Amino acid sequence: MKTNFIRERLRRGQPVIGSFLGLQSPNVAELMAHAGFDFLVIETEHNALDSAEVEHILMAVSGTETVPMVRIPSASQVFIQRALDMGAMGIVVPSVRTPEEALAIVSATRYPPQGTRSWGPLRASGYTFDNEDHFNRANDNILVTLIIETKEAVENIEAIARVPGIDVLYLGPWDLCLSLGLNPLHQPHPEVEQAVEQMLAAGKAGAAAVGIGSSTPDQVRQRLAKGLTYITYGPDYSLMTAAARAGIEAFRAET
């Protein structure tokens, strides 16, 4: 089983950069991996990907050093198990609100006696050729990221961060805005910035890394300067949109 170097770096306090894959394309995923992202998160909450398509994208990334992860649709144990059995080395879980939910999520990623994960890692175990190594190392090799995107989650952030096995607290600013009654189109909001500060304090106390998205190189620098260590840049379609818009605007300005 490959070692999840993302988990190791974050535990040492070292920053990592990744992106979300929303375009449903193995080719785009492979391109992004070759670009040098430390990790890539396959989006399955907000698009039409089915399990077979997710597996194809995981295969596209597996030929590189990039760590593949899946943003699952919900905290259901079935979704967690399926993503890991297909070969994801981490999960990103939306709408986590309580420490009890966080504990159940971690448990679903661990084989007994540490957790409740069922056995059946076909692709993850090299189609059974790697069964022994996979079983011995999987529990210490899966990265668990929780998306903090509700008022309740922010209120519970200290307790959530203290749950053993939670690696990353990742801010979902748009849904957090909606949860707080704010317009997400008019960001930044002081309330969201305060949530980031609370997450940083909770993460430090609970040994969890804290992450947030970035859409420009300047934002990447600002996030790092603030002490965030799990940085995403993108997603893939935003990077394409920005590049397309810049070229078209340059052309229109000259014609």
C-alpha atoms as a PDB file:
ATOM      1  CA  MET A   1       0.000   0.000   0.000  1.00  0.00           C
ATOM      2  CA  LYS A   2       1.301   3.459  -0.879  1.00  0.00           C
ATOM      3  CA  THR A   3       2.147   5.678   2.064  1.00  0.00           C
ATOM      4  CA  ASN A   4      -0.147   8.665   2.442  1.00  0.00           C
ATOM      5  CA  PHE A   5       2.506  11.362   2.609  1.00  0.00           C
ATOM      6  CA  ILE A   6      -0.182  14.053   2.924  1.00  0.00           C
ATOM      7  CA  ARG A   7      -1.141  12.726   6.337  1.00  0.00           C
ATOM      8  CA  GLU A   8       2.500  12.594   7.391  1.00  0.00           C
ATOM      9  CA  ARG A   9       3.249  16.142   6.237  1.00  0.00           C
ATOM     10  CA  LEU A  10       0.189  17.623   7.918  1.00  0.00           C
ATOM     11  CA  ARG A  11       1.056  15.932  11.197  1.00  0.00           C
ATOM     12  CA  ARG A  12       4.460  17.606  11.021  1.00  0.00           C
ATOM     13  CA  GLY A  13       2.776  20.953  10.401  1.00  0.00           C
ATOM     14  CA  GLN A  14       3.915  21.150   6.786  1.00  0.00           C
ATOM     15  CA  PRO A  15       1.522  22.661   4.216  1.00  0.00           C
ATOM     16  CA  VAL A  16       0.132  20.767   1.233  1.00  0.00           C
ATOM     17  CA  ILE A  17      -1.756  21.914  -1.849  1.00  0.00           C
ATOM     18  CA  GLY A  18      -4.494  20.110  -3.739  1.00  0.00           C
ATOM     19  CA  SER A  19      -7.550  20.708  -5.846  1.00  0.00           C
ATOM     20  CA  PHE A  20     -11.073  19.446  -6.363  1.00  0.00           C
ATOM     21  CA  LEU A  21     -12.011  17.568  -9.541  1.00  0.00           C
ATOM     22  CA  GLY A  22     -15.498  18.441 -10.673  1.00  0.00           C
ATOM     23  CA  LEU A  23     -15.300  17.954 -14.445  1.00  0.00           C
ATOM     24  CA  GLN A  24     -15.815  14.182 -14.241  1.00  0.00           C
ATOM     25  CA  SER A  25     -12.840  13.527 -16.528  1.00  0.00           C
ATOM     26  CA  PRO A  26     -10.013  10.997 -15.995  1.00  0.00           C
ATOM     27  CA  ASN A  27      -7.910  12.975 -18.473  1.00  0.00           C
ATOM     28  CA  VAL A  28      -8.322  16.224 -16.536  1.00  0.00           C
ATOM     29  CA  ALA A  29      -7.524  14.342 -13.325  1.00  0.00           C
ATOM     30  CA  GLU A  30      -4.365  12.903 -14.841  1.00  0.00           C
ATOM     31  CA  LEU A  31      -3.334  16.323 -16.138  1.00  0.00           C
ATOM     32  CA  MET A  32      -3.862  17.884 -12.697  1.00  0.00           C
ATOM     33  CA  ALA A  33      -1.838  15.119 -11.059  1.00  0.00           C
ATOM     34  CA  HIS A  34       1.049  15.623 -13.487  1.00  0.00           C
ATOM     35  CA  ALA A  35       0.862  19.367 -12.780  1.00  0.00           C
ATOM     36  CA  GLY A  36       2.195  18.609  -9.311  1.00  0.00           C
ATOM     37  CA  PHE A  37      -0.724  18.853  -6.889  1.00  0.00           C
ATOM     38  CA  ASP A  38      -0.030  16.985  -3.661  1.00  0.00           C
ATOM     39  CA  PHE A  39      -3.586  15.655  -3.542  1.00  0.00           C
ATOM     40  CA  LEU A  40      -6.733  15.689  -5.642  1.00  0.00           C
ATOM     41  CA  VAL A  41     -10.291  15.332  -4.378  1.00  0.00           C
ATOM     42  CA  ILE A  42     -12.820  13.718  -6.700  1.00  0.00           C
ATOM     43  CA  GLU A  43     -16.133  15.523  -6.308  1.00  0.00           C
ATOM     44  CA  THR A  44     -19.184  13.265  -5.940  1.00  0.00           C
ATOM     45  CA  GLU A  45     -21.534  15.431  -3.865  1.00  0.00           C
ATOM     46  CA  HIS A  46     -22.368  18.032  -6.497  1.00  0.00           C
ATOM     47  CA  ASN A  47     -22.064  16.224  -9.830  1.00  0.00           C
ATOM     48  CA  ALA A  48     -23.302  13.128 -11.651  1.00  0.00           C
ATOM     49  CA  LEU A  49     -20.373  10.748 -11.161  1.00  0.00           C
ATOM     50  CA  ASP A  50     -21.206   7.132 -10.443  1.00  0.00           C
ATOM     51  CA  SER A  51     -18.888   4.641  -8.734  1.00  0.00           C
ATOM     52  CA  ALA A  52     -17.442   3.200 -11.935  1.00  0.00           C
ATOM     53  CA  GLU A  53     -16.494   6.684 -13.159  1.00  0.00           C
ATOM     54  CA  VAL A  54     -14.897   7.504  -9.804  1.00  0.00           C
ATOM     55  CA  GLU A  55     -12.838   4.342 -10.080  1.00  0.00           C
ATOM     56  CA  HIS A  56     -11.609   5.353 -13.548  1.00  0.00           C
ATOM     57  CA  ILE A  57     -10.497   8.735 -12.216  1.00  0.00           C
ATOM     58  CA  LEU A  58      -8.705   7.032  -9.318  1.00  0.00           C
ATOM     59  CA  MET A  59      -6.902   4.859 -11.879  1.00  0.00           C
ATOM     60  CA  ALA A  60      -5.845   7.961 -13.824  1.00  0.00           C
ATOM     61  CA  VAL A  61      -4.300   9.520 -10.722  1.00  0.00           C
ATOM     62  CA  SER A  62      -2.681   6.313  -9.454  1.00  0.00           C
ATOM     63  CA  GLY A  63       0.132   6.489 -12.017  1.00  0.00           C
ATOM     64  CA  THR A  64       1.463   9.630 -10.306  1.00  0.00           C
ATOM     65  CA  GLU A  65       2.685  10.626  -6.842  1.00  0.00           C
ATOM     66  CA  THR A  66      -0.517  12.585  -6.163  1.00  0.00           C
ATOM     67  CA  VAL A  67      -2.689  11.290  -3.322  1.00  0.00           C
ATOM     68  CA  PRO A  68      -6.265  10.595  -4.540  1.00  0.00           C
ATOM     69  CA  MET A  69      -9.246  11.346  -2.316  1.00  0.00           C
ATOM     70  CA  VAL A  70     -13.022  11.416  -2.723  1.00  0.00           C
ATOM     71  CA  ARG A  71     -15.525  13.952  -1.505  1.00  0.00           C
ATOM     72  CA  ILE A  72     -18.400  11.644  -0.693  1.00  0.00           C
ATOM     73  CA  PRO A  73     -22.067  12.714  -0.943  1.00  0.00           C
ATOM     74  CA  SER A  74     -22.720  12.241   2.781  1.00  0.00           C
ATOM     75  CA  ALA A  75     -21.319  10.622   5.905  1.00  0.00           C
ATOM     76  CA  SER A  76     -23.005   7.307   5.106  1.00  0.00           C
ATOM     77  CA  GLN A  77     -20.773   4.339   5.932  1.00  0.00           C
ATOM     78  CA  VAL A  78     -21.612   2.849   2.527  1.00  0.00           C
ATOM     79  CA  PHE A  79     -20.201   5.896   0.716  1.00  0.00           C
ATOM     80  CA  ILE A  80     -17.086   5.887   2.913  1.00  0.00           C
ATOM     81  CA  GLN A  81     -16.454   2.188   2.440  1.00  0.00           C
ATOM     82  CA  ARG A  82     -17.044   2.286  -1.309  1.00  0.00           C
ATOM     83  CA  ALA A  83     -14.618   5.177  -1.863  1.00  0.00           C
ATOM     84  CA  LEU A  84     -11.883   3.484   0.161  1.00  0.00           C
ATOM     85  CA  ASP A  85     -12.413   0.070  -1.420  1.00  0.00           C
ATOM     86  CA  MET A  86     -11.993   1.655  -4.847  1.00  0.00           C
ATOM     87  CA  GLY A  87      -8.602   2.989  -3.825  1.00  0.00           C
ATOM     88  CA  ALA A  88      -9.144   6.465  -2.397  1.00  0.00           C
ATOM     89  CA  MET A  89      -6.537   7.277   0.242  1.00  0.00           C
ATOM     90  CA  GLY A  90      -8.778   9.738   2.008  1.00  0.00           C
ATOM     91  CA  ILE A  91     -12.318  11.013   2.248  1.00  0.00           C
ATOM     92  CA  VAL A  92     -13.716  14.530   2.412  1.00  0.00           C
ATOM     93  CA  VAL A  93     -17.050  14.547   4.242  1.00  0.00           C
ATOM     94  CA  PRO A  94     -19.607  17.361   3.881  1.00  0.00           C
ATOM     95  CA  SER A  95     -21.971  18.872   6.447  1.00  0.00           C
ATOM     96  CA  VAL A  96     -20.458  17.376   9.603  1.00  0.00           C
ATOM     97  CA  ARG A  97     -22.106  19.024  12.596  1.00  0.00           C
ATOM     98  CA  THR A  98     -21.240  17.160  15.802  1.00  0.00           C
ATOM     99  CA  PRO A  99     -18.377  15.239  17.423  1.00  0.00           C
ATOM    100  CA  GLU A 100     -20.588  12.151  17.438  1.00  0.00           C
ATOM    101  CA  GLU A 101     -20.860  12.324  13.653  1.00  0.00           C
ATOM    102  CA  ALA A 102     -17.103  12.838  13.401  1.00  0.00           C
ATOM    103  CA  LEU A 103     -16.426   9.794  15.566  1.00  0.00           C
ATOM    104  CA  ALA A 104     -18.699   7.605  13.419  1.00  0.00           C
ATOM    105  CA  ILE A 105     -16.912   8.809  10.269  1.00  0.00           C
ATOM    106  CA  VAL A 106     -13.480   7.916  11.628  1.00  0.00           C
ATOM    107  CA  SER A 107     -14.770   4.519  12.762  1.00  0.00           C
ATOM    108  CA  ALA A 108     -16.066   3.778   9.259  1.00  0.00           C
ATOM    109  CA  THR A 109     -12.557   4.313   7.844  1.00  0.00           C
ATOM    110  CA  ARG A 110     -10.868   1.828  10.217  1.00  0.00           C
ATOM    111  CA  TYR A 111     -10.910  -1.934  10.215  1.00  0.00           C
ATOM    112  CA  PRO A 112     -11.787  -3.641  13.541  1.00  0.00           C
ATOM    113  CA  PRO A 113     -10.860  -3.497  16.319  1.00  0.00           C
ATOM    114  CA  GLN A 114     -10.174   0.237  15.776  1.00  0.00           C
ATOM    115  CA  GLY A 115     -13.345   0.767  13.754  1.00  0.00           C
ATOM    116  CA  THR A 116     -16.250  -0.711  11.816  1.00  0.00           C
ATOM    117  CA  ARG A 117     -14.984  -0.808   8.223  1.00  0.00           C
ATOM    118  CA  SER A 118     -16.113  -3.932   6.399  1.00  0.00           C
ATOM    119  CA  TRP A 119     -13.628  -6.044   4.454  1.00  0.00           C
ATOM    120  CA  GLY A 120     -13.785  -5.870   0.672  1.00  0.00           C
ATOM    121  CA  PRO A 121     -10.995  -3.636  -0.668  1.00  0.00           C
ATOM    122  CA  LEU A 122     -10.788  -5.136  -4.154  1.00  0.00           C
ATOM    123  CA  ARG A 123      -8.878  -2.407  -6.009  1.00  0.00           C
ATOM    124  CA  ALA A 124      -7.437  -0.908  -2.805  1.00  0.00           C
ATOM    125  CA  SER A 125      -5.713  -4.203  -2.026  1.00  0.00           C
ATOM    126  CA  GLY A 126      -4.336  -4.708  -5.522  1.00  0.00           C
ATOM    127  CA  TYR A 127      -7.155  -7.127  -6.315  1.00  0.00           C
ATOM    128  CA  THR A 128      -6.142  -9.249  -3.259  1.00  0.00           C
ATOM    129  CA  PHE A 129      -2.431  -9.422  -4.183  1.00  0.00           C
ATOM    130  CA  ASP A 130      -1.754  -6.841  -1.464  1.00  0.00           C
ATOM    131  CA  ASN A 131      -4.219  -8.050   1.168  1.00  0.00           C
ATOM    132  CA  GLU A 132      -1.797  -8.442   4.077  1.00  0.00           C
ATOM    133  CA  ASP A 133      -0.003  -5.125   3.636  1.00  0.00           C
ATOM    134  CA  HIS A 134      -3.277  -3.314   3.023  1.00  0.00           C
ATOM    135  CA  PHE A 135      -4.900  -4.728   6.160  1.00  0.00           C
ATOM    136  CA  ASN A 136      -1.869  -3.952   8.311  1.00  0.00           C
ATOM    137  CA  ARG A 137      -1.428  -0.375   7.090  1.00  0.00           C
ATOM    138  CA  ALA A 138      -4.814   0.941   5.994  1.00  0.00           C
ATOM    139  CA  ASN A 139      -5.945   2.191   9.393  1.00  0.00           C
ATOM    140  CA  ASP A 140      -2.913   4.493   9.649  1.00  0.00           C
ATOM    141  CA  ASN A 141      -2.989   5.581   6.027  1.00  0.00           C
ATOM    142  CA  ILE A 142      -6.436   7.071   5.421  1.00  0.00           C
ATOM    143  CA  LEU A 143      -6.834  10.858   5.627  1.00  0.00           C
ATOM    144  CA  VAL A 144     -10.113  12.084   7.131  1.00  0.00           C
ATOM    145  CA  THR A 145     -11.188  15.612   6.190  1.00  0.00           C
ATOM    146  CA  LEU A 146     -14.377  17.171   7.544  1.00  0.00           C
ATOM    147  CA  ILE A 147     -16.026  20.107   5.808  1.00  0.00           C
ATOM    148  CA  ILE A 148     -17.114  22.720   8.340  1.00  0.00           C
ATOM    149  CA  GLU A 149     -20.002  24.494   6.679  1.00  0.00           C
ATOM    150  CA  THR A 150     -22.795  24.976   9.216  1.00  0.00           C
ATOM    151  CA  LYS A 151     -23.406  27.203  12.235  1.00  0.00           C
ATOM    152  CA  GLU A 152     -23.726  24.084  14.400  1.00  0.00           C
ATOM    153  CA  ALA A 153     -20.352  22.749  13.262  1.00  0.00           C
ATOM    154  CA  VAL A 154     -18.641  26.027  14.156  1.00  0.00           C
ATOM    155  CA  GLU A 155     -20.300  25.979  17.569  1.00  0.00           C
ATOM    156  CA  ASN A 156     -19.009  22.419  18.099  1.00  0.00           C
ATOM    157  CA  ILE A 157     -15.626  22.926  16.482  1.00  0.00           C
ATOM    158  CA  GLU A 158     -13.505  22.396  19.608  1.00  0.00           C
ATOM    159  CA  ALA A 159     -15.168  19.043  20.370  1.00  0.00           C
ATOM    160  CA  ILE A 160     -15.034  17.950  16.716  1.00  0.00           C
ATOM    161  CA  ALA A 161     -11.314  18.751  16.481  1.00  0.00           C
ATOM    162  CA  ARG A 162     -10.588  16.610  19.545  1.00  0.00           C
ATOM    163  CA  VAL A 163     -12.021  13.444  17.974  1.00  0.00           C
ATOM    164  CA  PRO A 164      -9.093  11.031  17.413  1.00  0.00           C
ATOM    165  CA  GLY A 165      -8.493  10.364  13.736  1.00  0.00           C
ATOM    166  CA  ILE A 166      -9.731  13.703  12.395  1.00  0.00           C
ATOM    167  CA  ASP A 167      -6.895  14.955  10.209  1.00  0.00           C
ATOM    168  CA  VAL A 168      -8.307  18.101   8.603  1.00  0.00           C
ATOM    169  CA  LEU A 169     -10.984  20.698   9.305  1.00  0.00           C
ATOM    170  CA  TYR A 170     -11.840  22.300   5.963  1.00  0.00           C
ATOM    171  CA  LEU A 171     -13.962  25.431   5.670  1.00  0.00           C
ATOM    172  CA  GLY A 172     -16.932  25.407   3.282  1.00  0.00           C
ATOM    173  CA  PRO A 173     -17.549  29.166   3.099  1.00  0.00           C
ATOM    174  CA  TRP A 174     -20.528  29.205   0.745  1.00  0.00           C
ATOM    175  CA  ASP A 175     -22.682  26.826   2.726  1.00  0.00           C
ATOM    176  CA  LEU A 176     -21.505  28.396   5.976  1.00  0.00           C
ATOM    177  CA  CYS A 177     -22.726  31.744   4.664  1.00  0.00           C
ATOM    178  CA  LEU A 178     -26.113  30.211   3.908  1.00  0.00           C
ATOM    179  CA  SER A 179     -26.244  28.622   7.356  1.00  0.00           C
ATOM    180  CA  LEU A 180     -25.475  31.988   8.979  1.00  0.00           C
ATOM    181  CA  GLY A 181     -28.030  33.854   6.862  1.00  0.00           C
ATOM    182  CA  LEU A 182     -25.355  35.640   4.822  1.00  0.00           C
ATOM    183  CA  ASN A 183     -25.177  36.176   1.069  1.00  0.00           C
ATOM    184  CA  PRO A 184     -22.361  33.956  -0.257  1.00  0.00           C
ATOM    185  CA  LEU A 185     -22.026  36.160  -3.335  1.00  0.00           C
ATOM    186  CA  HIS A 186     -20.879  39.069  -1.163  1.00  0.00           C
ATOM    187  CA  GLN A 187     -17.877  37.506   0.543  1.00  0.00           C
ATOM    188  CA  PRO A 188     -15.779  38.060   2.579  1.00  0.00           C
ATOM    189  CA  HIS A 189     -17.919  38.302   5.715  1.00  0.00           C
ATOM    190  CA  PRO A 190     -16.508  38.978   9.205  1.00  0.00           C
ATOM    191  CA  GLU A 191     -18.496  36.033  10.567  1.00  0.00           C
ATOM    192  CA  VAL A 192     -16.784  33.634   8.180  1.00  0.00           C
ATOM    193  CA  GLU A 193     -13.353  35.056   8.968  1.00  0.00           C
ATOM    194  CA  GLN A 194     -14.115  34.561  12.654  1.00  0.00           C
ATOM    195  CA  ALA A 195     -15.012  30.929  11.928  1.00  0.00           C
ATOM    196  CA  VAL A 196     -11.565  30.469  10.364  1.00  0.00           C
ATOM    197  CA  GLU A 197      -9.940  31.789  13.534  1.00  0.00           C
ATOM    198  CA  GLN A 198     -12.029  29.413  15.648  1.00  0.00           C
ATOM    199  CA  MET A 199     -11.034  26.513  13.408  1.00  0.00           C
ATOM    200  CA  LEU A 200      -7.345  27.403  13.668  1.00  0.00           C
ATOM    201  CA  ALA A 201      -7.530  27.524  17.462  1.00  0.00           C
ATOM    202  CA  ALA A 202      -9.492  24.271  17.644  1.00  0.00           C
ATOM    203  CA  GLY A 203      -7.183  22.537  15.193  1.00  0.00           C
ATOM    204  CA  LYS A 204      -4.130  23.535  17.179  1.00  0.00           C
ATOM    205  CA  ALA A 205      -5.664  22.202  20.384  1.00  0.00           C
ATOM    206  CA  GLY A 206      -6.849  18.996  18.756  1.00  0.00           C
ATOM    207  CA  ALA A 207      -3.886  18.340  16.445  1.00  0.00           C
ATOM    208  CA  ALA A 208      -5.972  18.715  13.275  1.00  0.00           C
ATOM    209  CA  ALA A 209      -4.815  20.663  10.250  1.00  0.00           C
ATOM    210  CA  VAL A 210      -7.052  23.462   8.984  1.00  0.00           C
ATOM    211  CA  GLY A 211      -7.818  24.092   5.335  1.00  0.00           C
ATOM    212  CA  ILE A 212      -9.628  26.407   2.960  1.00  0.00           C
ATOM    213  CA  GLY A 213      -9.986  26.950  -0.767  1.00  0.00           C
ATOM    214  CA  SER A 214      -8.129  29.475  -2.902  1.00  0.00           C
ATOM    215  CA  SER A 215      -8.893  30.777  -6.375  1.00  0.00           C
ATOM    216  CA  THR A 216      -5.822  32.942  -7.056  1.00  0.00           C
ATOM    217  CA  PRO A 217      -2.079  32.709  -6.338  1.00  0.00           C
ATOM    218  CA  ASP A 218      -2.420  35.710  -3.999  1.00  0.00           C
ATOM    219  CA  GLN A 219      -5.054  33.851  -1.996  1.00  0.00           C
ATOM    220  CA  VAL A 220      -2.740  30.854  -1.715  1.00  0.00           C
ATOM    221  CA  ARG A 221      -0.071  33.121  -0.213  1.00  0.00           C
ATOM    222  CA  GLN A 222      -2.579  34.728   2.152  1.00  0.00           C
ATOM    223  CA  ARG A 223      -3.848  31.339   3.385  1.00  0.00           C
ATOM    224  CA  LEU A 224      -0.318  30.153   4.098  1.00  0.00           C
ATOM    225  CA  ALA A 225       0.544  33.388   5.916  1.00  0.00           C
ATOM    226  CA  LYS A 226      -2.537  32.892   8.098  1.00  0.00           C
ATOM    227  CA  GLY A 227      -1.307  29.486   9.212  1.00  0.00           C
ATOM    228  CA  LEU A 228      -3.560  27.271   7.110  1.00  0.00           C
ATOM    229  CA  THR A 229      -1.763  24.132   5.956  1.00  0.00           C
ATOM    230  CA  TYR A 230      -4.338  22.264   3.825  1.00  0.00           C
ATOM    231  CA  ILE A 231      -4.739  24.491   0.781  1.00  0.00           C
ATOM    232  CA  THR A 232      -6.901  23.805  -2.245  1.00  0.00           C
ATOM    233  CA  TYR A 233      -6.516  25.733  -5.484  1.00  0.00           C
ATOM    234  CA  GLY A 234      -9.265  25.499  -8.035  1.00  0.00           C
ATOM    235  CA  PRO A 235     -11.401  23.466  -8.560  1.00  0.00           C
ATOM    236  CA  ASP A 236     -10.464  22.221 -12.030  1.00  0.00           C
ATOM    237  CA  TYR A 237     -13.326  24.001 -13.786  1.00  0.00           C
ATOM    238  CA  SER A 238     -12.529  27.301 -12.028  1.00  0.00           C
ATOM    239  CA  LEU A 239      -8.933  27.118 -13.215  1.00  0.00           C
ATOM    240  CA  MET A 240     -10.130  26.488 -16.763  1.00  0.00           C
ATOM    241  CA  THR A 241     -12.704  29.272 -16.512  1.00  0.00           C
ATOM    242  CA  ALA A 242     -10.132  31.787 -15.270  1.00  0.00           C
ATOM    243  CA  ALA A 243      -7.652  30.900 -18.026  1.00  0.00           C
ATOM    244  CA  ALA A 244     -10.327  31.072 -20.715  1.00  0.00           C
ATOM    245  CA  ARG A 245     -11.677  34.386 -19.434  1.00  0.00           C
ATOM    246  CA  ALA A 246      -8.200  35.964 -19.276  1.00  0.00           C
ATOM    247  CA  GLY A 247      -7.379  35.026 -22.857  1.00  0.00           C
ATOM    248  CA  ILE A 248     -10.730  36.154 -24.241  1.00  0.00           C
ATOM    249  CA  GLU A 249     -10.582  39.469 -22.370  1.00  0.00           C
ATOM    250  CA  ALA A 250      -7.074  40.095 -23.705  1.00  0.00           C
ATOM    251  CA  PHE A 251      -8.315  39.410 -27.226  1.00  0.00           C
ATOM    252  CA  ARG A 252     -11.423  41.601 -26.873  1.00  0.00           C
ATOM    253  CA  ALA A 253      -9.333  44.452 -25.536  1.00  0.00           C
ATOM    254  CA  GLU A 254      -7.239  44.472 -28.692  1.00  0.00           C
ATOM    255  CA  THR A 255     -10.032  44.065 -31.280  1.00  0.00           C
END
